[in-house]
Amino acid sequence: MRNSYIVLKLKLFLLACLKRKITLRKLWNVLVCSLAYVLKCKRSGRAPFILSLELGNECNANCLFCRDEKGVIHDTNKDKPAPGGITKGVMPFEMAEDIIGQVSADVLIAVLYTNGEPLLYPKLADLIRHCTRSNVLSMIATNGLLLTPEKSKAIVDAGIDFIKLQLSGFTQDIYHVQVRYGDVERLKENIRNLVKIRDDQKSRTLIMLDYILYQYNQHQLPLIREFCRELGIMLSIRPGNPQGGLEDKECPQSMQALPLKISCDWLWKGMQVNFNGHVLPCCDGVIFSAIAPYEIYQVGKSDVRTIWNGPAAQGMRHTMTVHGRGAIRLCSQCYRHGVAFKW
């Protein structure tokens, strides 16, 4: 079970056209990156067309699948996990601004979150505004607990293009199974306020509710569908990750065989930058302690396009093409197919 997000992609493309964020140069870059993936070239396009930034990896919800009760982030490097879990930190605003500015002519969308809650980032609205002024689509995924009317208005006014809201239960008893800290009624009210603010501002911001489906919460799916219909927002349904305490109660995350022979197109289409400047091949790299970055980004010194087609990036594409995912520790355990959300 995996979402292809075809309708969402179409809506984002139409939105980009309406906002004049699509250019021939960007479309050409998408085409070149895509052909480089198909032909398995070592070099890709001028720049990635998807840019993912981990602004910070702290979170206020503490979901079971993400971190333990003390907030320590689960390390997917099972062979030799980092002592104390994944290191935490916050990306300097100047770094995020510089990276987006360098590739704004080629990048389609900036994904302003990875493993943390983006609403904890103090200058999120400023960064969204920078994307808007740079004609780059921007998106966040959030647990929604901090989405007060003030913050909703700030990011909508800044020009956010797409907001994905996580939900794993319609009532508190079911919601609390996965989310350690959070009030589902407050979350639902935050979503209602967000929709009202968007409509009042006559904004084109796309809103999607991301329902994380488990056996224990599937009976509440009709309530979720009705909630989305009532508000006129999109609904995504994806399988949950039973890691962190639900392993004995839920089916494994995926019953299919690992796609070890399929080259992952993230290496040719998307770039991930960690809060500490580590430039990584994909978003899964931020929770895998053993991966070596392509380079450590330095404001005023590093060039995104040089890193994108540099020796480290080309070497990983070559390894993926010749030996498959099994030759790369991070990729050998990944079920991802295509550049999209994980599921």
C-alpha atoms as a PDB file:
ATOM      1  CA  MET A   1       0.000   0.000   0.000  1.00  0.00           C
ATOM      2  CA  ARG A   2       1.553   3.246  -1.149  1.00  0.00           C
ATOM      3  CA  ASN A   3       0.052   6.574  -2.142  1.00  0.00           C
ATOM      4  CA  SER A   4       0.968   7.910  -5.568  1.00  0.00           C
ATOM      5  CA  TYR A   5      -0.463  11.379  -4.785  1.00  0.00           C
ATOM      6  CA  ILE A   6      -1.418  11.901  -8.430  1.00  0.00           C
ATOM      7  CA  VAL A   7      -4.231  14.348  -7.619  1.00  0.00           C
ATOM      8  CA  LEU A   8      -2.003  16.278  -5.214  1.00  0.00           C
ATOM      9  CA  LYS A   9       0.814  16.510  -7.770  1.00  0.00           C
ATOM     10  CA  LEU A  10      -1.632  17.797 -10.377  1.00  0.00           C
ATOM     11  CA  LYS A  11      -3.016  20.399  -7.963  1.00  0.00           C
ATOM     12  CA  LEU A  12       0.489  21.527  -6.996  1.00  0.00           C
ATOM     13  CA  PHE A  13       1.444  21.863 -10.654  1.00  0.00           C
ATOM     14  CA  LEU A  14      -1.669  23.921 -11.430  1.00  0.00           C
ATOM     15  CA  LEU A  15      -1.020  26.033  -8.325  1.00  0.00           C
ATOM     16  CA  ALA A  16       2.560  26.648  -9.441  1.00  0.00           C
ATOM     17  CA  CYS A  17       1.279  27.752 -12.844  1.00  0.00           C
ATOM     18  CA  LEU A  18      -1.288  30.107 -11.282  1.00  0.00           C
ATOM     19  CA  LYS A  19       1.393  31.614  -9.035  1.00  0.00           C
ATOM     20  CA  ARG A  20       3.861  31.799 -11.939  1.00  0.00           C
ATOM     21  CA  LYS A  21       6.330  29.556 -10.144  1.00  0.00           C
ATOM     22  CA  ILE A  22       6.790  27.329 -13.190  1.00  0.00           C
ATOM     23  CA  THR A  23       9.325  28.310 -15.841  1.00  0.00           C
ATOM     24  CA  LEU A  24      10.720  26.594 -18.915  1.00  0.00           C
ATOM     25  CA  ARG A  25      14.072  26.359 -17.136  1.00  0.00           C
ATOM     26  CA  LYS A  26      12.499  24.486 -14.201  1.00  0.00           C
ATOM     27  CA  LEU A  27      10.594  22.140 -16.505  1.00  0.00           C
ATOM     28  CA  TRP A  28      13.808  21.474 -18.427  1.00  0.00           C
ATOM     29  CA  ASN A  29      15.605  20.661 -15.172  1.00  0.00           C
ATOM     30  CA  VAL A  30      12.847  18.203 -14.212  1.00  0.00           C
ATOM     31  CA  LEU A  31      13.153  16.554 -17.626  1.00  0.00           C
ATOM     32  CA  VAL A  32      16.957  16.301 -17.460  1.00  0.00           C
ATOM     33  CA  CYS A  33      16.903  14.896 -13.888  1.00  0.00           C
ATOM     34  CA  SER A  34      14.253  12.359 -14.878  1.00  0.00           C
ATOM     35  CA  LEU A  35      16.127  11.270 -18.007  1.00  0.00           C
ATOM     36  CA  ALA A  36      19.361  10.993 -16.020  1.00  0.00           C
ATOM     37  CA  TYR A  37      17.554   8.601 -13.664  1.00  0.00           C
ATOM     38  CA  VAL A  38      16.130   6.516 -16.513  1.00  0.00           C
ATOM     39  CA  LEU A  39      19.485   6.365 -18.292  1.00  0.00           C
ATOM     40  CA  LYS A  40      21.354   5.927 -14.969  1.00  0.00           C
ATOM     41  CA  CYS A  41      23.823   8.724 -15.671  1.00  0.00           C
ATOM     42  CA  LYS A  42      26.324   9.701 -13.017  1.00  0.00           C
ATOM     43  CA  ARG A  43      25.429  13.355 -13.543  1.00  0.00           C
ATOM     44  CA  SER A  44      21.900  14.635 -13.100  1.00  0.00           C
ATOM     45  CA  GLY A  45      20.338  17.997 -13.977  1.00  0.00           C
ATOM     46  CA  ARG A  46      21.733  21.414 -13.053  1.00  0.00           C
ATOM     47  CA  ALA A  47      20.197  21.099  -9.585  1.00  0.00           C
ATOM     48  CA  PRO A  48      17.710  18.932  -7.705  1.00  0.00           C
ATOM     49  CA  PHE A  49      14.102  19.833  -8.432  1.00  0.00           C
ATOM     50  CA  ILE A  50      13.048  18.848  -4.901  1.00  0.00           C
ATOM     51  CA  LEU A  51      14.901  20.419  -1.974  1.00  0.00           C
ATOM     52  CA  SER A  52      14.292  19.028   1.517  1.00  0.00           C
ATOM     53  CA  LEU A  53      15.560  20.945   4.547  1.00  0.00           C
ATOM     54  CA  GLU A  54      15.582  19.691   8.129  1.00  0.00           C
ATOM     55  CA  LEU A  55      15.018  22.981   9.931  1.00  0.00           C
ATOM     56  CA  GLY A  56      15.129  21.201  13.274  1.00  0.00           C
ATOM     57  CA  ASN A  57      14.426  17.739  14.655  1.00  0.00           C
ATOM     58  CA  GLU A  58      12.808  18.485  18.007  1.00  0.00           C
ATOM     59  CA  CYS A  59       9.126  17.653  18.358  1.00  0.00           C
ATOM     60  CA  ASN A  60       6.300  18.323  20.791  1.00  0.00           C
ATOM     61  CA  ALA A  61       4.200  15.230  20.029  1.00  0.00           C
ATOM     62  CA  ASN A  62       6.677  12.397  20.717  1.00  0.00           C
ATOM     63  CA  CYS A  63       5.028   9.762  18.532  1.00  0.00           C
ATOM     64  CA  LEU A  64       5.945   6.136  19.237  1.00  0.00           C
ATOM     65  CA  PHE A  65       7.317   5.411  15.765  1.00  0.00           C
ATOM     66  CA  CYS A  66       9.660   8.422  15.826  1.00  0.00           C
ATOM     67  CA  ARG A  67      11.244   8.619  19.299  1.00  0.00           C
ATOM     68  CA  ASP A  68      11.121   7.157  22.787  1.00  0.00           C
ATOM     69  CA  GLU A  69       9.396   8.555  25.873  1.00  0.00           C
ATOM     70  CA  LYS A  70      12.410  10.784  26.587  1.00  0.00           C
ATOM     71  CA  GLY A  71      12.388  12.241  23.110  1.00  0.00           C
ATOM     72  CA  VAL A  72      15.422  10.300  21.839  1.00  0.00           C
ATOM     73  CA  ILE A  73      15.040   9.869  18.071  1.00  0.00           C
ATOM     74  CA  HIS A  74      15.105   6.265  16.871  1.00  0.00           C
ATOM     75  CA  ASP A  75      18.258   5.504  14.883  1.00  0.00           C
ATOM     76  CA  THR A  76      17.536   3.325  11.835  1.00  0.00           C
ATOM     77  CA  ASN A  77      21.172   2.228  11.825  1.00  0.00           C
ATOM     78  CA  LYS A  78      20.381  -0.981  13.695  1.00  0.00           C
ATOM     79  CA  ASP A  79      23.856  -2.512  13.327  1.00  0.00           C
ATOM     80  CA  LYS A  80      25.583   0.182  15.349  1.00  0.00           C
ATOM     81  CA  PRO A  81      23.204   2.902  16.537  1.00  0.00           C
ATOM     82  CA  ALA A  82      24.617   6.182  17.778  1.00  0.00           C
ATOM     83  CA  PRO A  83      24.975   6.407  21.579  1.00  0.00           C
ATOM     84  CA  GLY A  84      22.159   8.596  22.879  1.00  0.00           C
ATOM     85  CA  GLY A  85      20.268   8.499  19.585  1.00  0.00           C
ATOM     86  CA  ILE A  86      20.292  10.929  16.694  1.00  0.00           C
ATOM     87  CA  THR A  87      21.895  14.309  17.431  1.00  0.00           C
ATOM     88  CA  LYS A  88      19.433  17.201  17.663  1.00  0.00           C
ATOM     89  CA  GLY A  89      19.789  20.759  16.468  1.00  0.00           C
ATOM     90  CA  VAL A  90      18.345  23.695  14.532  1.00  0.00           C
ATOM     91  CA  MET A  91      19.372  24.916  11.087  1.00  0.00           C
ATOM     92  CA  PRO A  92      20.561  28.547  11.039  1.00  0.00           C
ATOM     93  CA  PHE A  93      18.121  30.694   9.086  1.00  0.00           C
ATOM     94  CA  GLU A  94      20.974  32.080   6.995  1.00  0.00           C
ATOM     95  CA  MET A  95      21.837  28.564   5.818  1.00  0.00           C
ATOM     96  CA  ALA A  96      18.282  27.734   4.765  1.00  0.00           C
ATOM     97  CA  GLU A  97      17.917  31.109   3.045  1.00  0.00           C
ATOM     98  CA  ASP A  98      21.240  30.720   1.219  1.00  0.00           C
ATOM     99  CA  ILE A  99      20.512  27.202  -0.029  1.00  0.00           C
ATOM    100  CA  ILE A 100      17.081  28.138  -1.401  1.00  0.00           C
ATOM    101  CA  GLY A 101      18.443  31.306  -2.956  1.00  0.00           C
ATOM    102  CA  GLN A 102      21.187  29.443  -4.811  1.00  0.00           C
ATOM    103  CA  VAL A 103      18.855  27.048  -6.635  1.00  0.00           C
ATOM    104  CA  SER A 104      15.579  28.986  -6.803  1.00  0.00           C
ATOM    105  CA  ALA A 105      15.802  29.175 -10.601  1.00  0.00           C
ATOM    106  CA  ASP A 106      15.772  25.363 -10.894  1.00  0.00           C
ATOM    107  CA  VAL A 107      13.974  23.961  -7.827  1.00  0.00           C
ATOM    108  CA  LEU A 108      10.238  23.293  -8.006  1.00  0.00           C
ATOM    109  CA  ILE A 109       9.482  22.825  -4.322  1.00  0.00           C
ATOM    110  CA  ALA A 110      11.166  23.327  -0.966  1.00  0.00           C
ATOM    111  CA  VAL A 111      10.097  20.782   1.659  1.00  0.00           C
ATOM    112  CA  LEU A 112      10.571  22.652   4.936  1.00  0.00           C
ATOM    113  CA  TYR A 113      10.572  19.737   7.359  1.00  0.00           C
ATOM    114  CA  THR A 114      12.069  16.289   7.708  1.00  0.00           C
ATOM    115  CA  ASN A 115      12.052  14.619  11.102  1.00  0.00           C
ATOM    116  CA  GLY A 116      10.956  17.415  13.438  1.00  0.00           C
ATOM    117  CA  GLU A 117       7.972  19.698  13.975  1.00  0.00           C
ATOM    118  CA  PRO A 118       8.420  22.684  11.616  1.00  0.00           C
ATOM    119  CA  LEU A 119       6.190  24.984  13.693  1.00  0.00           C
ATOM    120  CA  LEU A 120       8.902  24.938  16.376  1.00  0.00           C
ATOM    121  CA  TYR A 121      11.224  26.755  13.959  1.00  0.00           C
ATOM    122  CA  PRO A 122      11.182  30.417  15.065  1.00  0.00           C
ATOM    123  CA  LYS A 123      11.575  31.881  11.565  1.00  0.00           C
ATOM    124  CA  LEU A 124       9.357  29.495   9.633  1.00  0.00           C
ATOM    125  CA  ALA A 125       7.103  32.239   8.258  1.00  0.00           C
ATOM    126  CA  ASP A 126      10.163  34.243   7.174  1.00  0.00           C
ATOM    127  CA  LEU A 127      11.556  31.235   5.312  1.00  0.00           C
ATOM    128  CA  ILE A 128       8.219  30.559   3.621  1.00  0.00           C
ATOM    129  CA  ARG A 129       8.131  34.216   2.578  1.00  0.00           C
ATOM    130  CA  HIS A 130      11.652  33.817   1.155  1.00  0.00           C
ATOM    131  CA  CYS A 131      10.430  30.847  -0.908  1.00  0.00           C
ATOM    132  CA  THR A 132       7.428  32.858  -2.105  1.00  0.00           C
ATOM    133  CA  ARG A 133       9.602  35.770  -3.185  1.00  0.00           C
ATOM    134  CA  SER A 134      11.996  33.333  -4.883  1.00  0.00           C
ATOM    135  CA  ASN A 135       9.113  31.718  -6.836  1.00  0.00           C
ATOM    136  CA  VAL A 136       9.648  28.326  -5.184  1.00  0.00           C
ATOM    137  CA  LEU A 137       6.729  26.217  -3.967  1.00  0.00           C
ATOM    138  CA  SER A 138       6.877  25.569  -0.214  1.00  0.00           C
ATOM    139  CA  MET A 139       5.338  22.897   1.972  1.00  0.00           C
ATOM    140  CA  ILE A 140       5.358  21.603   5.535  1.00  0.00           C
ATOM    141  CA  ALA A 141       4.008  18.539   7.312  1.00  0.00           C
ATOM    142  CA  THR A 142       2.970  19.158  10.897  1.00  0.00           C
ATOM    143  CA  ASN A 143       1.272  17.417  13.811  1.00  0.00           C
ATOM    144  CA  GLY A 144      -0.861  20.571  14.014  1.00  0.00           C
ATOM    145  CA  LEU A 145      -0.766  20.912  17.798  1.00  0.00           C
ATOM    146  CA  LEU A 146       1.036  24.265  17.591  1.00  0.00           C
ATOM    147  CA  LEU A 147      -1.049  25.568  14.708  1.00  0.00           C
ATOM    148  CA  THR A 148      -2.635  28.443  16.613  1.00  0.00           C
ATOM    149  CA  PRO A 149      -4.686  31.048  14.712  1.00  0.00           C
ATOM    150  CA  GLU A 150      -1.699  33.405  14.928  1.00  0.00           C
ATOM    151  CA  LYS A 151       0.721  30.867  13.415  1.00  0.00           C
ATOM    152  CA  SER A 152      -1.828  29.796  10.807  1.00  0.00           C
ATOM    153  CA  LYS A 153      -2.273  33.380   9.683  1.00  0.00           C
ATOM    154  CA  ALA A 154       1.482  33.973   9.648  1.00  0.00           C
ATOM    155  CA  ILE A 155       2.313  31.049   7.352  1.00  0.00           C
ATOM    156  CA  VAL A 156      -0.734  31.570   5.114  1.00  0.00           C
ATOM    157  CA  ASP A 157       0.136  35.261   4.737  1.00  0.00           C
ATOM    158  CA  ALA A 158       3.741  34.260   3.971  1.00  0.00           C
ATOM    159  CA  GLY A 159       2.473  32.236   1.002  1.00  0.00           C
ATOM    160  CA  ILE A 160       2.737  28.580   2.086  1.00  0.00           C
ATOM    161  CA  ASP A 161       1.571  26.410  -0.813  1.00  0.00           C
ATOM    162  CA  PHE A 162       0.869  23.061   0.853  1.00  0.00           C
ATOM    163  CA  ILE A 163       0.270  21.937   4.428  1.00  0.00           C
ATOM    164  CA  LYS A 164       0.013  18.254   5.403  1.00  0.00           C
ATOM    165  CA  LEU A 165      -1.465  17.551   8.857  1.00  0.00           C
ATOM    166  CA  GLN A 166      -0.857  14.297  10.696  1.00  0.00           C
ATOM    167  CA  LEU A 167      -3.709  12.510  12.482  1.00  0.00           C
ATOM    168  CA  SER A 168      -3.917   8.951  13.833  1.00  0.00           C
ATOM    169  CA  GLY A 169      -7.280   8.934  15.588  1.00  0.00           C
ATOM    170  CA  PHE A 170     -10.500  10.950  15.769  1.00  0.00           C
ATOM    171  CA  THR A 171     -11.076  10.582  19.520  1.00  0.00           C
ATOM    172  CA  GLN A 172      -8.541  11.146  22.299  1.00  0.00           C
ATOM    173  CA  ASP A 173      -8.338   7.503  23.390  1.00  0.00           C
ATOM    174  CA  ILE A 174      -7.409   6.330  19.895  1.00  0.00           C
ATOM    175  CA  TYR A 175      -5.232   9.340  19.054  1.00  0.00           C
ATOM    176  CA  HIS A 176      -3.227   8.879  22.248  1.00  0.00           C
ATOM    177  CA  VAL A 177      -2.194   5.320  21.324  1.00  0.00           C
ATOM    178  CA  GLN A 178       0.390   6.693  18.867  1.00  0.00           C
ATOM    179  CA  VAL A 179       0.898  10.307  20.015  1.00  0.00           C
ATOM    180  CA  ARG A 180       2.252  10.609  23.550  1.00  0.00           C
ATOM    181  CA  TYR A 181       1.554  14.329  23.948  1.00  0.00           C
ATOM    182  CA  GLY A 182      -1.377  16.064  22.331  1.00  0.00           C
ATOM    183  CA  ASP A 183      -5.072  16.880  22.519  1.00  0.00           C
ATOM    184  CA  VAL A 184      -6.972  15.705  19.443  1.00  0.00           C
ATOM    185  CA  GLU A 185      -9.865  18.113  20.042  1.00  0.00           C
ATOM    186  CA  ARG A 186      -7.445  21.038  20.066  1.00  0.00           C
ATOM    187  CA  LEU A 187      -5.860  19.664  16.910  1.00  0.00           C
ATOM    188  CA  LYS A 188      -9.215  19.431  15.128  1.00  0.00           C
ATOM    189  CA  GLU A 189     -10.049  22.974  16.183  1.00  0.00           C
ATOM    190  CA  ASN A 190      -6.656  24.129  14.873  1.00  0.00           C
ATOM    191  CA  ILE A 191      -7.448  22.529  11.515  1.00  0.00           C
ATOM    192  CA  ARG A 192     -10.845  24.223  11.373  1.00  0.00           C
ATOM    193  CA  ASN A 193      -9.243  27.576  12.167  1.00  0.00           C
ATOM    194  CA  LEU A 194      -6.572  27.036   9.508  1.00  0.00           C
ATOM    195  CA  VAL A 195      -9.192  26.356   6.844  1.00  0.00           C
ATOM    196  CA  LYS A 196     -11.193  29.432   7.886  1.00  0.00           C
ATOM    197  CA  ILE A 197      -8.113  31.656   7.845  1.00  0.00           C
ATOM    198  CA  ARG A 198      -7.120  30.345   4.429  1.00  0.00           C
ATOM    199  CA  ASP A 199     -10.600  30.983   3.051  1.00  0.00           C
ATOM    200  CA  ASP A 200     -10.891  34.414   4.682  1.00  0.00           C
ATOM    201  CA  GLN A 201      -7.526  35.390   3.210  1.00  0.00           C
ATOM    202  CA  LYS A 202      -8.616  34.012  -0.171  1.00  0.00           C
ATOM    203  CA  SER A 203      -5.414  31.992  -0.204  1.00  0.00           C
ATOM    204  CA  ARG A 204      -4.790  29.074  -2.569  1.00  0.00           C
ATOM    205  CA  THR A 205      -2.940  27.048   0.090  1.00  0.00           C
ATOM    206  CA  LEU A 206      -3.595  23.309  -0.330  1.00  0.00           C
ATOM    207  CA  ILE A 207      -4.419  21.430   2.880  1.00  0.00           C
ATOM    208  CA  MET A 208      -4.270  17.660   3.294  1.00  0.00           C
ATOM    209  CA  LEU A 209      -5.124  15.530   6.301  1.00  0.00           C
ATOM    210  CA  ASP A 210      -2.674  12.635   6.552  1.00  0.00           C
ATOM    211  CA  TYR A 211      -4.425   9.761   8.338  1.00  0.00           C
ATOM    212  CA  ILE A 212      -1.923   7.200   9.610  1.00  0.00           C
ATOM    213  CA  LEU A 213      -3.778   3.912   9.447  1.00  0.00           C
ATOM    214  CA  TYR A 214      -3.402   1.027  11.905  1.00  0.00           C
ATOM    215  CA  GLN A 215      -5.624  -1.894  12.793  1.00  0.00           C
ATOM    216  CA  TYR A 216      -6.584  -0.199  16.061  1.00  0.00           C
ATOM    217  CA  ASN A 217      -7.797   3.028  14.415  1.00  0.00           C
ATOM    218  CA  GLN A 218      -9.278   1.864  11.105  1.00  0.00           C
ATOM    219  CA  HIS A 219     -12.818   1.905  12.544  1.00  0.00           C
ATOM    220  CA  GLN A 220     -12.578   5.706  12.814  1.00  0.00           C
ATOM    221  CA  LEU A 221     -11.806   6.197   9.133  1.00  0.00           C
ATOM    222  CA  PRO A 222     -15.460   7.086   8.285  1.00  0.00           C
ATOM    223  CA  LEU A 223     -15.313   9.880  10.878  1.00  0.00           C
ATOM    224  CA  ILE A 224     -12.097  11.160   9.322  1.00  0.00           C
ATOM    225  CA  ARG A 225     -13.629  11.106   5.833  1.00  0.00           C
ATOM    226  CA  GLU A 226     -16.628  13.084   7.040  1.00  0.00           C
ATOM    227  CA  PHE A 227     -14.371  15.595   8.815  1.00  0.00           C
ATOM    228  CA  CYS A 228     -12.453  16.210   5.583  1.00  0.00           C
ATOM    229  CA  ARG A 229     -15.644  16.493   3.530  1.00  0.00           C
ATOM    230  CA  GLU A 230     -17.024  18.999   6.010  1.00  0.00           C
ATOM    231  CA  LEU A 231     -13.925  21.195   5.706  1.00  0.00           C
ATOM    232  CA  GLY A 232     -13.310  20.623   2.001  1.00  0.00           C
ATOM    233  CA  ILE A 233      -9.721  19.403   2.434  1.00  0.00           C
ATOM    234  CA  MET A 234      -7.839  16.502   0.876  1.00  0.00           C
ATOM    235  CA  LEU A 235      -7.420  13.178   2.666  1.00  0.00           C
ATOM    236  CA  SER A 236      -4.408  10.889   2.477  1.00  0.00           C
ATOM    237  CA  ILE A 237      -4.477   7.422   4.058  1.00  0.00           C
ATOM    238  CA  ARG A 238      -1.159   5.682   4.649  1.00  0.00           C
ATOM    239  CA  PRO A 239      -0.034   2.646   6.637  1.00  0.00           C
ATOM    240  CA  GLY A 240       1.457   3.341  10.044  1.00  0.00           C
ATOM    241  CA  ASN A 241       4.831   2.302  11.367  1.00  0.00           C
ATOM    242  CA  PRO A 242       4.386   0.004  14.400  1.00  0.00           C
ATOM    243  CA  GLN A 243       7.878   0.756  15.725  1.00  0.00           C
ATOM    244  CA  GLY A 244       8.170   1.888  19.324  1.00  0.00           C
ATOM    245  CA  GLY A 245       5.584  -0.245  21.092  1.00  0.00           C
ATOM    246  CA  LEU A 246       3.009  -1.535  18.613  1.00  0.00           C
ATOM    247  CA  GLU A 247       5.107  -4.291  17.071  1.00  0.00           C
ATOM    248  CA  ASP A 248       3.101  -7.097  18.714  1.00  0.00           C
ATOM    249  CA  LYS A 249      -0.276  -5.529  17.904  1.00  0.00           C
ATOM    250  CA  GLU A 250       0.145  -4.485  14.288  1.00  0.00           C
ATOM    251  CA  CYS A 251       1.225  -6.006  10.998  1.00  0.00           C
ATOM    252  CA  PRO A 252       4.782  -5.268   9.860  1.00  0.00           C
ATOM    253  CA  GLN A 253       5.293  -1.978   8.057  1.00  0.00           C
ATOM    254  CA  SER A 254       5.530  -3.743   4.731  1.00  0.00           C
ATOM    255  CA  MET A 255       4.951  -7.345   3.710  1.00  0.00           C
ATOM    256  CA  GLN A 256       6.615  -6.935   0.319  1.00  0.00           C
ATOM    257  CA  ALA A 257      10.185  -7.838  -0.470  1.00  0.00           C
ATOM    258  CA  LEU A 258      12.763  -5.078  -0.265  1.00  0.00           C
ATOM    259  CA  PRO A 259      13.264  -3.501  -3.731  1.00  0.00           C
ATOM    260  CA  LEU A 260      17.011  -4.141  -3.728  1.00  0.00           C
ATOM    261  CA  LYS A 261      17.271  -4.223  -7.531  1.00  0.00           C
ATOM    262  CA  ILE A 262      15.405  -0.942  -8.118  1.00  0.00           C
ATOM    263  CA  SER A 263      17.484   2.210  -8.289  1.00  0.00           C
ATOM    264  CA  CYS A 264      16.009   4.974  -6.132  1.00  0.00           C
ATOM    265  CA  ASP A 265      15.259   8.156  -8.066  1.00  0.00           C
ATOM    266  CA  TRP A 266      15.916  10.352  -5.015  1.00  0.00           C
ATOM    267  CA  LEU A 267      19.606  10.306  -5.954  1.00  0.00           C
ATOM    268  CA  TRP A 268      18.806  11.956  -9.283  1.00  0.00           C
ATOM    269  CA  LYS A 269      15.900  14.236  -8.309  1.00  0.00           C
ATOM    270  CA  GLY A 270      16.033  15.353  -4.674  1.00  0.00           C
ATOM    271  CA  MET A 271      18.550  16.693  -2.169  1.00  0.00           C
ATOM    272  CA  GLN A 272      18.334  16.640   1.637  1.00  0.00           C
ATOM    273  CA  VAL A 273      20.209  19.060   3.893  1.00  0.00           C
ATOM    274  CA  ASN A 274      20.365  18.293   7.617  1.00  0.00           C
ATOM    275  CA  PHE A 275      20.173  21.000  10.295  1.00  0.00           C
ATOM    276  CA  ASN A 276      23.976  20.817  10.696  1.00  0.00           C
ATOM    277  CA  GLY A 277      24.675  21.348   7.003  1.00  0.00           C
ATOM    278  CA  HIS A 278      25.176  17.686   6.114  1.00  0.00           C
ATOM    279  CA  VAL A 279      24.102  17.285   2.490  1.00  0.00           C
ATOM    280  CA  LEU A 280      22.488  13.854   2.177  1.00  0.00           C
ATOM    281  CA  PRO A 281      21.009  11.789  -0.667  1.00  0.00           C
ATOM    282  CA  CYS A 282      17.518  11.595   0.845  1.00  0.00           C
ATOM    283  CA  CYS A 283      15.361  12.386   3.872  1.00  0.00           C
ATOM    284  CA  ASP A 284      15.906   8.944   5.441  1.00  0.00           C
ATOM    285  CA  GLY A 285      19.535   9.899   5.934  1.00  0.00           C
ATOM    286  CA  VAL A 286      18.699  12.221   8.841  1.00  0.00           C
ATOM    287  CA  ILE A 287      17.791   9.249  11.062  1.00  0.00           C
ATOM    288  CA  PHE A 288      20.617   6.955   9.951  1.00  0.00           C
ATOM    289  CA  SER A 289      23.707   7.765  11.996  1.00  0.00           C
ATOM    290  CA  ALA A 290      26.247   5.933   9.846  1.00  0.00           C
ATOM    291  CA  ILE A 291      25.769   7.745   6.550  1.00  0.00           C
ATOM    292  CA  ALA A 292      28.560   9.998   5.292  1.00  0.00           C
ATOM    293  CA  PRO A 293      27.341  13.302   3.822  1.00  0.00           C
ATOM    294  CA  TYR A 294      28.178  14.395   0.300  1.00  0.00           C
ATOM    295  CA  GLU A 295      29.606  17.524   1.900  1.00  0.00           C
ATOM    296  CA  ILE A 296      29.050  19.790   4.904  1.00  0.00           C
ATOM    297  CA  TYR A 297      27.362  22.952   3.690  1.00  0.00           C
ATOM    298  CA  GLN A 298      28.958  26.267   4.651  1.00  0.00           C
ATOM    299  CA  VAL A 299      27.158  29.541   4.089  1.00  0.00           C
ATOM    300  CA  GLY A 300      29.042  31.777   1.675  1.00  0.00           C
ATOM    301  CA  LYS A 301      31.425  28.988   0.664  1.00  0.00           C
ATOM    302  CA  SER A 302      29.457  25.977  -0.580  1.00  0.00           C
ATOM    303  CA  ASP A 303      27.780  25.743  -3.969  1.00  0.00           C
ATOM    304  CA  VAL A 304      24.668  23.569  -4.152  1.00  0.00           C
ATOM    305  CA  ARG A 305      25.057  22.748  -7.844  1.00  0.00           C
ATOM    306  CA  THR A 306      28.684  21.705  -7.366  1.00  0.00           C
ATOM    307  CA  ILE A 307      27.704  19.355  -4.524  1.00  0.00           C
ATOM    308  CA  TRP A 308      24.731  18.024  -6.490  1.00  0.00           C
ATOM    309  CA  ASN A 309      26.936  16.713  -9.294  1.00  0.00           C
ATOM    310  CA  GLY A 310      30.119  16.365  -7.271  1.00  0.00           C
ATOM    311  CA  PRO A 311      32.197  13.189  -6.863  1.00  0.00           C
ATOM    312  CA  ALA A 312      30.304  11.935  -3.778  1.00  0.00           C
ATOM    313  CA  ALA A 313      26.892  12.261  -5.427  1.00  0.00           C
ATOM    314  CA  GLN A 314      28.101  10.736  -8.686  1.00  0.00           C
ATOM    315  CA  GLY A 315      29.762   7.905  -6.791  1.00  0.00           C
ATOM    316  CA  MET A 316      26.538   7.009  -4.974  1.00  0.00           C
ATOM    317  CA  ARG A 317      24.540   7.073  -8.223  1.00  0.00           C
ATOM    318  CA  HIS A 318      27.122   4.775  -9.789  1.00  0.00           C
ATOM    319  CA  THR A 319      27.003   2.355  -6.856  1.00  0.00           C
ATOM    320  CA  MET A 320      23.202   2.335  -6.936  1.00  0.00           C
ATOM    321  CA  THR A 321      23.181   1.662 -10.679  1.00  0.00           C
ATOM    322  CA  VAL A 322      25.840  -1.066 -10.740  1.00  0.00           C
ATOM    323  CA  HIS A 323      25.272  -2.852  -7.436  1.00  0.00           C
ATOM    324  CA  GLY A 324      21.732  -1.854  -6.412  1.00  0.00           C
ATOM    325  CA  ARG A 325      20.409  -0.750  -3.042  1.00  0.00           C
ATOM    326  CA  GLY A 326      21.936  -3.663  -1.209  1.00  0.00           C
ATOM    327  CA  ALA A 327      25.401  -2.136  -1.585  1.00  0.00           C
ATOM    328  CA  ILE A 328      24.406   1.016   0.315  1.00  0.00           C
ATOM    329  CA  ARG A 329      23.624   0.462   4.000  1.00  0.00           C
ATOM    330  CA  LEU A 330      21.020   3.206   4.224  1.00  0.00           C
ATOM    331  CA  CYS A 331      19.222   2.064   1.069  1.00  0.00           C
ATOM    332  CA  SER A 332      19.376  -1.680   1.746  1.00  0.00           C
ATOM    333  CA  GLN A 333      16.495  -1.484   4.242  1.00  0.00           C
ATOM    334  CA  CYS A 334      14.300   1.062   2.424  1.00  0.00           C
ATOM    335  CA  TYR A 335      10.936   0.302   0.798  1.00  0.00           C
ATOM    336  CA  ARG A 336      10.628   3.684  -0.913  1.00  0.00           C
ATOM    337  CA  HIS A 337       9.441   3.774  -4.522  1.00  0.00           C
ATOM    338  CA  GLY A 338       9.631   7.129  -6.250  1.00  0.00           C
ATOM    339  CA  VAL A 339      10.073  10.686  -5.053  1.00  0.00           C
ATOM    340  CA  ALA A 340       7.096  11.342  -2.804  1.00  0.00           C
ATOM    341  CA  PHE A 341       6.262  11.083   0.863  1.00  0.00           C
ATOM    342  CA  LYS A 342       7.555   7.856   2.334  1.00  0.00           C
ATOM    343  CA  TRP A 343       4.192   6.138   1.887  1.00  0.00           C
END
